[in-house]
Amino acid sequence: MKKSKFSLGGGRASFAVFAVVFAAIVALALPTTALASADQRPNATGSKREWYNGKSHHFQCTVQDADGTVLTEGEDFTRSYAFVTDRRNTDKIDASAWKDTDEGMTSSGFVWERITYIGDYAKWDEIGYHSYVRHDICTQYEFAEQNVTKVEGEEDPTLTATLKVLLGDPTTEISLSAFTLSREAGEKPGKYAITYTADPEQIPAAYTSNSAGTRTGLGEAKIGDYTNIVLVGDDICGFNYIKVVPGTLTIVPATTDVTVTVAWKDSSNKDGVRPSAEDFAKLLSLTADGEASDAEPTVVDNGNDTYTVTYKGVQKYAYTDDDERYEIAYQVTQASVADYTTDKATVDNGGTITNTHEAKVTPTPTPDDKTPTKPAAETTERKTNVPKTGDESVNTAAIVAVGAVVLSAAVVAKKRTEL
């Protein structure tokens, strides 16, 4: 049998493979730091960004050599800090500004962390090489657009907003004049977003600067539920986040009352056939631009042979296909009323409906209808001439009267005898 030339027992190839495997095993067995070399340029990473809270945040970056080996503070490097409120580079920072700690660096701005190399890495310090990491203490403003409401057809109310510092050093504030407010177009009832336009001198657009070069816009950042405008500048402290709280203009529908008068010509309801205000309401209907409306009327009996009919709070405006607003034309229609005639059953808003009923005539009594009676005065007179029983003067007068009659009769009889 032919022997393989890659066998462990002999041959140059076998030895080479063995050497590679052995070197790999040794490399894995050695600590990671043993592979590091001070001749490779180290570096620092880990910039942090924190919100201002009035306290020191104690920033610390991570220091590594070129192979990614983490170096040891106090053996391989030391830290120092400097605080600035503008965007100056480290070569513009005075030596006296560097501190051994970041304690007390609490304002909005930038905390520079400087890494000075020592020990095995001291050669980098000798040639003036240091690692720098900038940490940010950020200011947050709140730009809140105020919600406003108007009635359809009215002029827009004044659009307003507030601007205040939520987190940060308020000594150099952004002005509310940096914003111009407007709203989405439209006049129909609904909600319209209030929007803003920023002054490029105070809040430049993303990655552009104002004419003085003191402020640069960094675009927008989404933080939670809100969009933030990001801004940095030499004349404002550090990074500035302007939290935009959106507002809306709400247009509520305009309403109106439709009112008509109902006149009753029925001799003040002499025959009692006029419907009550409640029953009359059931005979009414309303149309809006010719379309039936489900609005219900209120009917009031005015006590003077008129009713007032009112449809309260109905929609005042409608819109064409081109979104042109116009006032809705309302009409009130009355159904027929038993025993009445109506002059005009359908009227416009403000009109009058007249309902007429001929009252029945009551006949006047005549002498043929019953036996006439004697006048009361005559009856009274006769009653006063009737003598009362037991009255002495009356009895005496009666005797005298009877005697006179008898005497007259005797005289007439004597004359007849003589003839």
Protein backbone atom coordinates (compact mmCIF):
# COMPACT_ATOMS: atom_id res chain seq x y z
CA MET A 1 0.00 0.00 0.00
CA LYS A 2 1.24 3.44 -0.92
CA LYS A 3 1.76 5.72 2.06
CA SER A 4 0.14 9.16 2.20
CA LYS A 5 2.69 11.93 2.07
CA PHE A 6 0.59 13.98 4.52
CA SER A 7 0.83 11.34 7.26
CA LEU A 8 1.96 12.36 10.71
CA GLY A 9 4.87 9.99 10.41
CA GLY A 10 7.04 11.97 8.01
CA GLY A 11 7.37 14.48 5.21
CA ARG A 12 7.71 18.22 5.09
CA ALA A 13 4.00 18.81 4.59
CA SER A 14 3.16 16.93 7.74
CA PHE A 15 5.57 19.03 9.74
CA ALA A 16 4.15 22.25 8.35
CA VAL A 17 0.63 21.32 9.31
CA PHE A 18 1.78 20.37 12.77
CA ALA A 19 3.53 23.72 13.22
CA VAL A 20 0.46 25.72 12.24
CA VAL A 21 -1.79 23.77 14.58
CA PHE A 22 0.67 24.14 17.44
CA ALA A 23 0.96 27.89 16.95
CA ALA A 24 -2.80 28.26 16.98
CA ILE A 25 -3.07 26.31 20.21
CA VAL A 26 -0.40 28.46 21.85
CA ALA A 27 -2.09 31.65 20.67
CA LEU A 28 -5.41 30.60 22.13
CA ALA A 29 -3.80 29.68 25.42
CA LEU A 30 -2.12 33.09 25.88
CA PRO A 31 -4.05 36.05 27.43
CA THR A 32 -5.41 38.61 25.00
CA THR A 33 -3.22 41.42 26.36
CA ALA A 34 -0.09 39.44 25.42
CA LEU A 35 -0.98 40.02 21.76
CA ALA A 36 -1.30 43.77 22.16
CA SER A 37 1.47 46.05 21.00
CA ALA A 38 2.19 49.58 22.29
CA ASP A 39 3.54 50.33 18.86
CA GLN A 40 0.00 50.27 17.50
CA ARG A 41 -1.82 53.57 17.87
CA PRO A 42 -4.54 53.34 20.53
CA ASN A 43 -7.92 55.00 20.27
CA ALA A 44 -10.88 56.07 22.43
CA THR A 45 -14.58 55.61 21.61
CA GLY A 46 -17.96 55.90 23.27
CA SER A 47 -19.30 59.42 22.93
CA LYS A 48 -22.43 59.87 25.04
CA ARG A 49 -25.35 62.29 24.93
CA GLU A 50 -27.36 63.13 28.06
CA TRP A 51 -30.16 65.54 28.91
CA TYR A 52 -29.33 68.42 31.19
CA ASN A 53 -30.43 67.71 34.76
CA GLY A 54 -28.31 70.14 36.75
CA LYS A 55 -25.91 67.37 37.84
CA SER A 56 -22.64 65.91 36.59
CA HIS A 57 -23.08 62.88 34.38
CA HIS A 58 -19.55 61.44 34.78
CA PHE A 59 -18.71 60.46 31.23
CA GLN A 60 -16.11 57.75 30.56
CA CYS A 61 -15.09 56.52 27.14
CA THR A 62 -13.55 53.15 26.26
CA VAL A 63 -9.81 53.10 25.40
CA GLN A 64 -8.41 50.35 23.15
CA ASP A 65 -5.32 49.63 21.11
CA ALA A 66 -5.50 49.00 17.40
CA ASP A 67 -6.26 45.32 17.92
CA GLY A 68 -9.28 46.15 20.09
CA THR A 69 -7.59 45.33 23.36
CA VAL A 70 -9.10 47.35 26.22
CA LEU A 71 -6.42 49.31 28.02
CA THR A 72 -6.19 49.82 31.76
CA GLU A 73 -6.78 53.25 33.29
CA GLY A 74 -3.87 54.31 35.53
CA GLU A 75 -1.45 51.87 33.82
CA ASP A 76 -1.94 52.65 30.15
CA PHE A 77 -3.66 56.06 30.24
CA THR A 78 -5.21 58.82 32.35
CA ARG A 79 -8.34 60.93 31.79
CA SER A 80 -8.95 64.69 31.99
CA TYR A 81 -12.02 66.82 31.15
CA ALA A 82 -12.84 70.26 29.82
CA PHE A 83 -16.27 71.90 29.52
CA VAL A 84 -17.19 74.30 26.70
CA THR A 85 -20.48 75.86 25.65
CA ASP A 86 -19.55 76.29 21.99
CA ARG A 87 -18.22 74.05 19.24
CA ARG A 88 -14.55 74.94 19.53
CA ASN A 89 -12.01 72.24 18.81
CA THR A 90 -9.69 70.90 21.45
CA ASP A 91 -6.75 72.91 20.15
CA LYS A 92 -8.67 76.04 21.08
CA ILE A 93 -9.19 74.96 24.70
CA ASP A 94 -6.83 76.56 27.24
CA ALA A 95 -4.63 74.19 29.19
CA SER A 96 -6.07 75.54 32.43
CA ALA A 97 -9.53 74.34 31.40
CA TRP A 98 -8.58 70.68 31.68
CA LYS A 99 -9.61 69.04 34.96
CA ASP A 100 -8.95 65.63 36.44
CA THR A 101 -12.69 65.08 36.90
CA ASP A 102 -15.92 66.11 35.22
CA GLU A 103 -17.48 66.91 38.56
CA GLY A 104 -19.34 70.22 38.43
CA MET A 105 -19.74 70.21 34.66
CA THR A 106 -23.51 70.46 34.86
CA SER A 107 -24.57 73.10 32.32
CA SER A 108 -25.77 72.46 28.80
CA GLY A 109 -22.83 72.22 26.43
CA PHE A 110 -19.98 69.88 25.60
CA VAL A 111 -17.72 67.88 27.91
CA TRP A 112 -14.45 66.96 26.19
CA GLU A 113 -12.72 63.87 27.57
CA ARG A 114 -8.96 63.71 26.87
CA ILE A 115 -6.96 60.50 27.09
CA THR A 116 -3.26 60.87 27.89
CA TYR A 117 -1.20 57.70 27.33
CA ILE A 118 1.33 56.44 29.90
CA GLY A 119 3.31 53.29 30.70
CA ASP A 120 3.90 51.10 27.67
CA TYR A 121 1.93 53.65 25.58
CA ALA A 122 3.83 56.74 26.80
CA LYS A 123 5.47 57.12 23.41
CA TRP A 124 2.16 58.45 22.07
CA ASP A 125 2.14 61.21 24.65
CA GLU A 126 5.74 62.05 23.83
CA ILE A 127 4.84 62.78 20.24
CA GLY A 128 1.80 64.83 21.33
CA TYR A 129 -0.87 62.29 20.43
CA HIS A 130 -3.97 62.16 22.62
CA SER A 131 -7.40 60.68 22.13
CA TYR A 132 -10.42 62.99 22.49
CA VAL A 133 -14.07 62.15 22.91
CA ARG A 134 -16.81 64.77 23.09
CA HIS A 135 -19.85 64.15 25.29
CA ASP A 136 -22.99 66.28 24.98
CA ILE A 137 -25.22 67.73 27.69
CA CYS A 138 -28.31 68.63 25.69
CA THR A 139 -30.95 71.27 26.16
CA GLN A 140 -34.57 70.51 25.38
CA TYR A 141 -37.10 73.17 24.54
CA GLU A 142 -40.80 72.67 24.15
CA PHE A 143 -42.49 74.43 21.27
CA ALA A 144 -46.21 73.86 21.86
CA GLU A 145 -48.77 75.02 19.32
CA GLN A 146 -52.00 75.95 21.06
CA ASN A 147 -55.27 74.32 19.99
CA VAL A 148 -57.91 76.81 18.80
CA THR A 149 -61.53 76.54 17.69
CA LYS A 150 -63.75 78.59 15.44
CA VAL A 151 -67.30 78.40 14.10
CA GLU A 152 -67.72 77.65 10.42
CA GLY A 153 -67.77 80.84 8.40
CA GLU A 154 -65.94 82.94 11.00
CA GLU A 155 -62.45 84.39 10.64
CA ASP A 156 -59.58 82.29 11.96
CA PRO A 157 -58.60 83.08 15.54
CA THR A 158 -55.00 84.09 16.21
CA LEU A 159 -52.67 81.10 16.08
CA THR A 160 -50.38 81.01 19.11
CA ALA A 161 -47.65 78.84 20.60
CA THR A 162 -45.40 78.74 23.64
CA LEU A 163 -41.66 78.12 23.77
CA LYS A 164 -39.90 77.23 26.98
CA VAL A 165 -36.87 75.35 28.22
CA LEU A 166 -37.75 71.94 29.62
CA LEU A 167 -34.21 70.70 30.28
CA GLY A 168 -31.14 72.86 30.12
CA ASP A 169 -29.47 76.10 30.93
CA PRO A 170 -31.99 78.86 30.14
CA THR A 171 -29.46 81.69 29.93
CA THR A 172 -29.46 81.71 26.12
CA GLU A 173 -32.93 80.90 24.92
CA ILE A 174 -34.20 80.49 21.38
CA SER A 175 -36.81 83.14 20.62
CA LEU A 176 -40.45 82.40 19.80
CA SER A 177 -39.95 84.76 16.86
CA ALA A 178 -38.09 81.90 15.17
CA PHE A 179 -41.45 80.42 14.20
CA THR A 180 -44.25 81.58 11.92
CA LEU A 181 -47.52 79.69 12.35
CA SER A 182 -50.01 78.67 9.69
CA ARG A 183 -52.57 75.93 9.22
CA GLU A 184 -53.74 73.44 6.67
CA ALA A 185 -56.07 74.91 4.06
CA GLY A 186 -59.80 74.28 4.25
CA GLU A 187 -63.00 75.78 5.63
CA LYS A 188 -65.27 72.79 6.11
CA PRO A 189 -65.97 71.61 9.67
CA GLY A 190 -63.14 69.39 10.91
CA LYS A 191 -59.63 69.49 12.35
CA TYR A 192 -56.72 71.23 10.62
CA ALA A 193 -53.08 70.83 11.65
CA ILE A 194 -51.28 73.96 12.77
CA THR A 195 -47.84 74.07 11.16
CA TYR A 196 -44.80 76.29 11.46
CA THR A 197 -42.08 77.82 9.31
CA ALA A 198 -38.72 78.36 11.00
CA ASP A 199 -36.61 81.48 10.62
CA PRO A 200 -33.37 80.26 8.96
CA GLU A 201 -31.36 82.84 10.90
CA GLN A 202 -32.46 81.36 14.21
CA ILE A 203 -33.14 77.76 13.18
CA PRO A 204 -31.32 76.87 9.97
CA ALA A 205 -32.40 73.93 7.82
CA ALA A 206 -30.65 70.58 8.13
CA TYR A 207 -26.88 70.85 7.63
CA THR A 208 -26.94 74.53 6.79
CA SER A 209 -25.85 77.50 8.88
CA ASN A 210 -27.20 80.97 9.43
CA SER A 211 -25.50 83.91 7.75
CA ALA A 212 -23.41 84.63 10.85
CA GLY A 213 -22.24 81.03 11.02
CA THR A 214 -23.22 80.82 14.67
CA ARG A 215 -25.95 78.22 14.33
CA THR A 216 -26.28 75.05 12.31
CA GLY A 217 -29.41 72.99 11.78
CA LEU A 218 -29.08 69.24 12.18
CA GLY A 219 -32.48 68.18 10.92
CA GLU A 220 -35.13 66.41 12.96
CA ALA A 221 -35.09 63.54 15.44
CA LYS A 222 -38.01 61.41 16.57
CA ILE A 223 -38.02 61.06 20.35
CA GLY A 224 -40.99 59.21 21.78
CA ASP A 225 -44.17 60.54 20.25
CA TYR A 226 -42.71 63.88 19.27
CA THR A 227 -40.55 65.29 16.50
CA ASN A 228 -37.60 67.35 17.71
CA ILE A 229 -35.78 70.02 15.73
CA VAL A 230 -32.05 69.59 16.37
CA LEU A 231 -29.86 72.68 16.44
CA VAL A 232 -26.29 73.42 17.50
CA GLY A 233 -24.46 76.73 17.68
CA ASP A 234 -21.66 78.81 19.11
CA ASP A 235 -24.13 81.29 20.61
CA ILE A 236 -26.36 78.68 22.22
CA CYS A 237 -25.37 75.97 24.67
CA GLY A 238 -24.57 72.63 23.12
CA PHE A 239 -27.06 70.57 21.21
CA ASN A 240 -30.59 71.92 21.34
CA TYR A 241 -33.63 69.75 20.81
CA ILE A 242 -36.87 71.61 20.23
CA LYS A 243 -39.76 69.30 21.04
CA VAL A 244 -42.65 70.22 18.76
CA VAL A 245 -46.07 69.66 20.33
CA PRO A 246 -48.56 69.87 17.44
CA GLY A 247 -51.77 71.87 17.65
CA THR A 248 -55.01 71.86 15.69
CA LEU A 249 -57.57 74.36 14.51
CA THR A 250 -61.03 72.87 14.94
CA ILE A 251 -63.87 74.25 12.82
CA VAL A 252 -67.25 73.46 14.32
CA PRO A 253 -70.38 73.52 12.14
CA ALA A 254 -72.38 76.74 12.12
CA THR A 255 -76.03 76.33 13.10
CA THR A 256 -79.17 78.39 12.69
CA ASP A 257 -82.85 78.35 13.70
CA VAL A 258 -85.65 78.00 11.17
CA THR A 259 -88.78 79.83 12.34
CA VAL A 260 -92.24 80.24 10.77
CA THR A 261 -95.53 81.64 12.07
CA VAL A 262 -98.90 79.90 11.84
CA ALA A 263 -101.96 82.20 11.93
CA TRP A 264 -105.40 80.81 12.88
CA LYS A 265 -108.51 82.49 11.49
CA ASP A 266 -111.18 80.52 13.32
CA SER A 267 -112.96 83.05 15.57
CA SER A 268 -110.47 82.24 18.33
CA ASN A 269 -111.23 78.53 18.03
CA LYS A 270 -114.96 79.08 18.69
CA ASP A 271 -115.83 75.58 17.48
CA GLY A 272 -112.95 73.94 19.37
CA VAL A 273 -111.52 72.23 16.27
CA ARG A 274 -108.03 73.79 16.25
CA PRO A 275 -105.26 71.23 16.93
CA SER A 276 -103.13 71.75 20.03
CA ALA A 277 -99.54 72.88 19.61
CA GLU A 278 -98.37 69.34 20.38
CA ASP A 279 -100.67 67.73 17.81
CA PHE A 280 -99.93 70.40 15.23
CA ALA A 281 -96.20 69.63 15.45
CA LYS A 282 -96.94 66.19 14.03
CA LEU A 283 -98.26 67.78 10.85
CA LEU A 284 -95.01 69.60 10.05
CA SER A 285 -91.94 68.60 8.04
CA LEU A 286 -88.67 70.34 7.14
CA THR A 287 -86.60 70.19 3.96
CA ALA A 288 -83.02 71.41 3.43
CA ASP A 289 -82.27 72.33 -0.16
CA GLY A 290 -85.24 70.16 -1.09
CA GLU A 291 -84.04 67.13 0.86
CA ALA A 292 -86.06 65.82 3.80
CA SER A 293 -84.63 66.63 7.21
CA ASP A 294 -85.19 64.60 10.37
CA ALA A 295 -85.13 67.69 12.60
CA GLU A 296 -88.04 67.94 15.03
CA PRO A 297 -89.93 71.22 15.54
CA THR A 298 -90.85 73.07 18.68
CA VAL A 299 -94.35 74.62 18.50
CA VAL A 300 -95.45 77.37 20.91
CA ASP A 301 -99.06 78.58 21.27
CA ASN A 302 -98.72 82.34 21.63
CA GLY A 303 -102.28 82.77 22.97
CA ASN A 304 -103.20 85.31 20.26
CA ASP A 305 -104.42 82.95 17.51
CA THR A 306 -100.84 82.28 16.31
CA TYR A 307 -98.36 79.47 16.77
CA THR A 308 -94.58 79.86 16.44
CA VAL A 309 -92.78 76.91 14.84
CA THR A 310 -89.00 76.63 15.39
CA TYR A 311 -86.43 74.11 14.21
CA LYS A 312 -83.49 74.79 16.51
CA GLY A 313 -79.80 74.34 15.74
CA VAL A 314 -79.99 73.05 12.17
CA GLN A 315 -76.93 73.15 9.91
CA LYS A 316 -76.43 76.56 8.38
CA TYR A 317 -74.03 75.91 5.47
CA ALA A 318 -73.37 73.35 2.78
CA TYR A 319 -70.66 73.10 0.10
CA THR A 320 -70.54 72.69 -3.65
CA ASP A 321 -68.31 70.14 -5.37
CA ASP A 322 -65.75 72.92 -5.64
CA ASP A 323 -65.88 73.46 -1.86
CA GLU A 324 -67.71 76.76 -2.22
CA ARG A 325 -69.77 77.46 0.88
CA TYR A 326 -73.41 78.54 0.62
CA GLU A 327 -76.32 78.92 3.04
CA ILE A 328 -78.82 76.08 3.09
CA ALA A 329 -82.39 76.96 2.01
CA TYR A 330 -84.93 75.57 4.45
CA GLN A 331 -88.69 75.20 3.92
CA VAL A 332 -91.43 74.17 6.32
CA THR A 333 -94.42 72.22 5.02
CA GLN A 334 -97.71 71.74 6.86
CA ALA A 335 -99.98 68.78 6.15
CA SER A 336 -103.72 69.45 5.77
CA VAL A 337 -105.61 70.31 8.95
CA ALA A 338 -109.13 68.91 9.36
CA ASP A 339 -111.90 71.56 9.03
CA TYR A 340 -109.41 74.23 7.85
CA THR A 341 -108.30 75.65 4.55
CA THR A 342 -104.66 76.70 4.12
CA ASP A 343 -103.45 79.58 2.01
CA LYS A 344 -99.87 78.28 1.57
CA ALA A 345 -98.81 74.94 3.02
CA THR A 346 -95.06 75.37 2.29
CA VAL A 347 -93.15 78.49 3.32
CA ASP A 348 -89.52 79.59 3.55
CA ASN A 349 -87.72 80.39 6.78
CA GLY A 350 -89.47 83.40 8.33
CA GLY A 351 -92.73 82.83 6.42
CA THR A 352 -96.34 82.60 7.63
CA ILE A 353 -98.91 79.84 7.13
CA THR A 354 -102.55 80.90 7.51
CA ASN A 355 -105.26 78.36 8.38
CA THR A 356 -108.94 79.42 8.11
CA HIS A 357 -112.06 77.84 9.59
CA GLU A 358 -115.61 79.29 9.24
CA ALA A 359 -117.22 79.12 12.65
CA LYS A 360 -120.87 77.92 12.88
CA VAL A 361 -123.58 80.65 13.28
CA THR A 362 -126.03 80.29 16.26
CA PRO A 363 -129.68 81.32 15.20
CA THR A 364 -131.45 84.23 17.04
CA PRO A 365 -134.92 83.32 18.70
CA THR A 366 -138.15 84.89 17.06
CA PRO A 367 -141.79 85.54 18.45
CA ASP A 368 -143.07 82.51 16.51
CA ASP A 369 -140.86 80.29 18.44
CA LYS A 370 -142.62 80.77 21.80
CA THR A 371 -145.58 82.55 23.51
CA PRO A 372 -144.89 86.19 24.17
CA THR A 373 -145.11 87.40 27.70
CA LYS A 374 -146.60 90.65 29.01
CA PRO A 375 -144.29 93.39 30.00
CA ALA A 376 -143.01 93.09 33.49
CA ALA A 377 -143.98 96.70 34.34
CA GLU A 378 -147.70 96.00 33.62
CA THR A 379 -147.73 92.90 35.73
CA THR A 380 -146.18 94.84 38.55
CA GLU A 381 -148.76 97.61 38.28
CA ARG A 382 -151.67 95.22 38.44
CA LYS A 383 -150.22 93.50 41.40
CA THR A 384 -149.99 96.77 43.25
CA ASN A 385 -153.84 97.43 42.76
CA VAL A 386 -154.93 94.17 44.36
CA PRO A 387 -156.24 94.94 47.87
CA LYS A 388 -154.93 93.03 50.75
CA THR A 389 -157.26 91.08 52.99
CA GLY A 390 -157.76 92.63 56.44
CA ASP A 391 -156.83 96.15 55.36
CA GLU A 392 -159.63 98.44 56.94
CA SER A 393 -159.18 101.30 54.54
CA VAL A 394 -159.45 98.96 51.61
CA ASN A 395 -162.68 97.42 52.99
CA THR A 396 -164.30 100.82 53.48
CA ALA A 397 -163.47 101.86 49.94
CA ALA A 398 -164.95 98.64 48.64
CA ILE A 399 -168.27 99.22 50.49
CA VAL A 400 -168.51 102.74 49.16
CA ALA A 401 -167.85 101.54 45.63
CA VAL A 402 -170.54 98.85 45.87
CA GLY A 403 -173.04 101.32 47.26
CA ALA A 404 -172.38 103.69 44.41
CA VAL A 405 -173.04 100.95 41.89
CA VAL A 406 -176.35 100.01 43.54
CA LEU A 407 -177.48 103.61 43.66
CA SER A 408 -176.71 104.09 40.00
CA ALA A 409 -178.69 101.01 39.09
CA ALA A 410 -181.74 102.25 41.06
CA VAL A 411 -181.70 105.62 39.31
CA VAL A 412 -181.66 103.93 35.89
CA ALA A 413 -184.61 101.71 36.85
CA LYS A 414 -186.77 104.66 38.07
CA LYS A 415 -186.27 106.52 34.80
CA ARG A 416 -187.43 103.51 32.80
CA THR A 417 -190.61 103.30 34.95
CA GLU A 418 -191.50 106.90 34.42
CA LEU A 419 -191.28 106.44 30.75
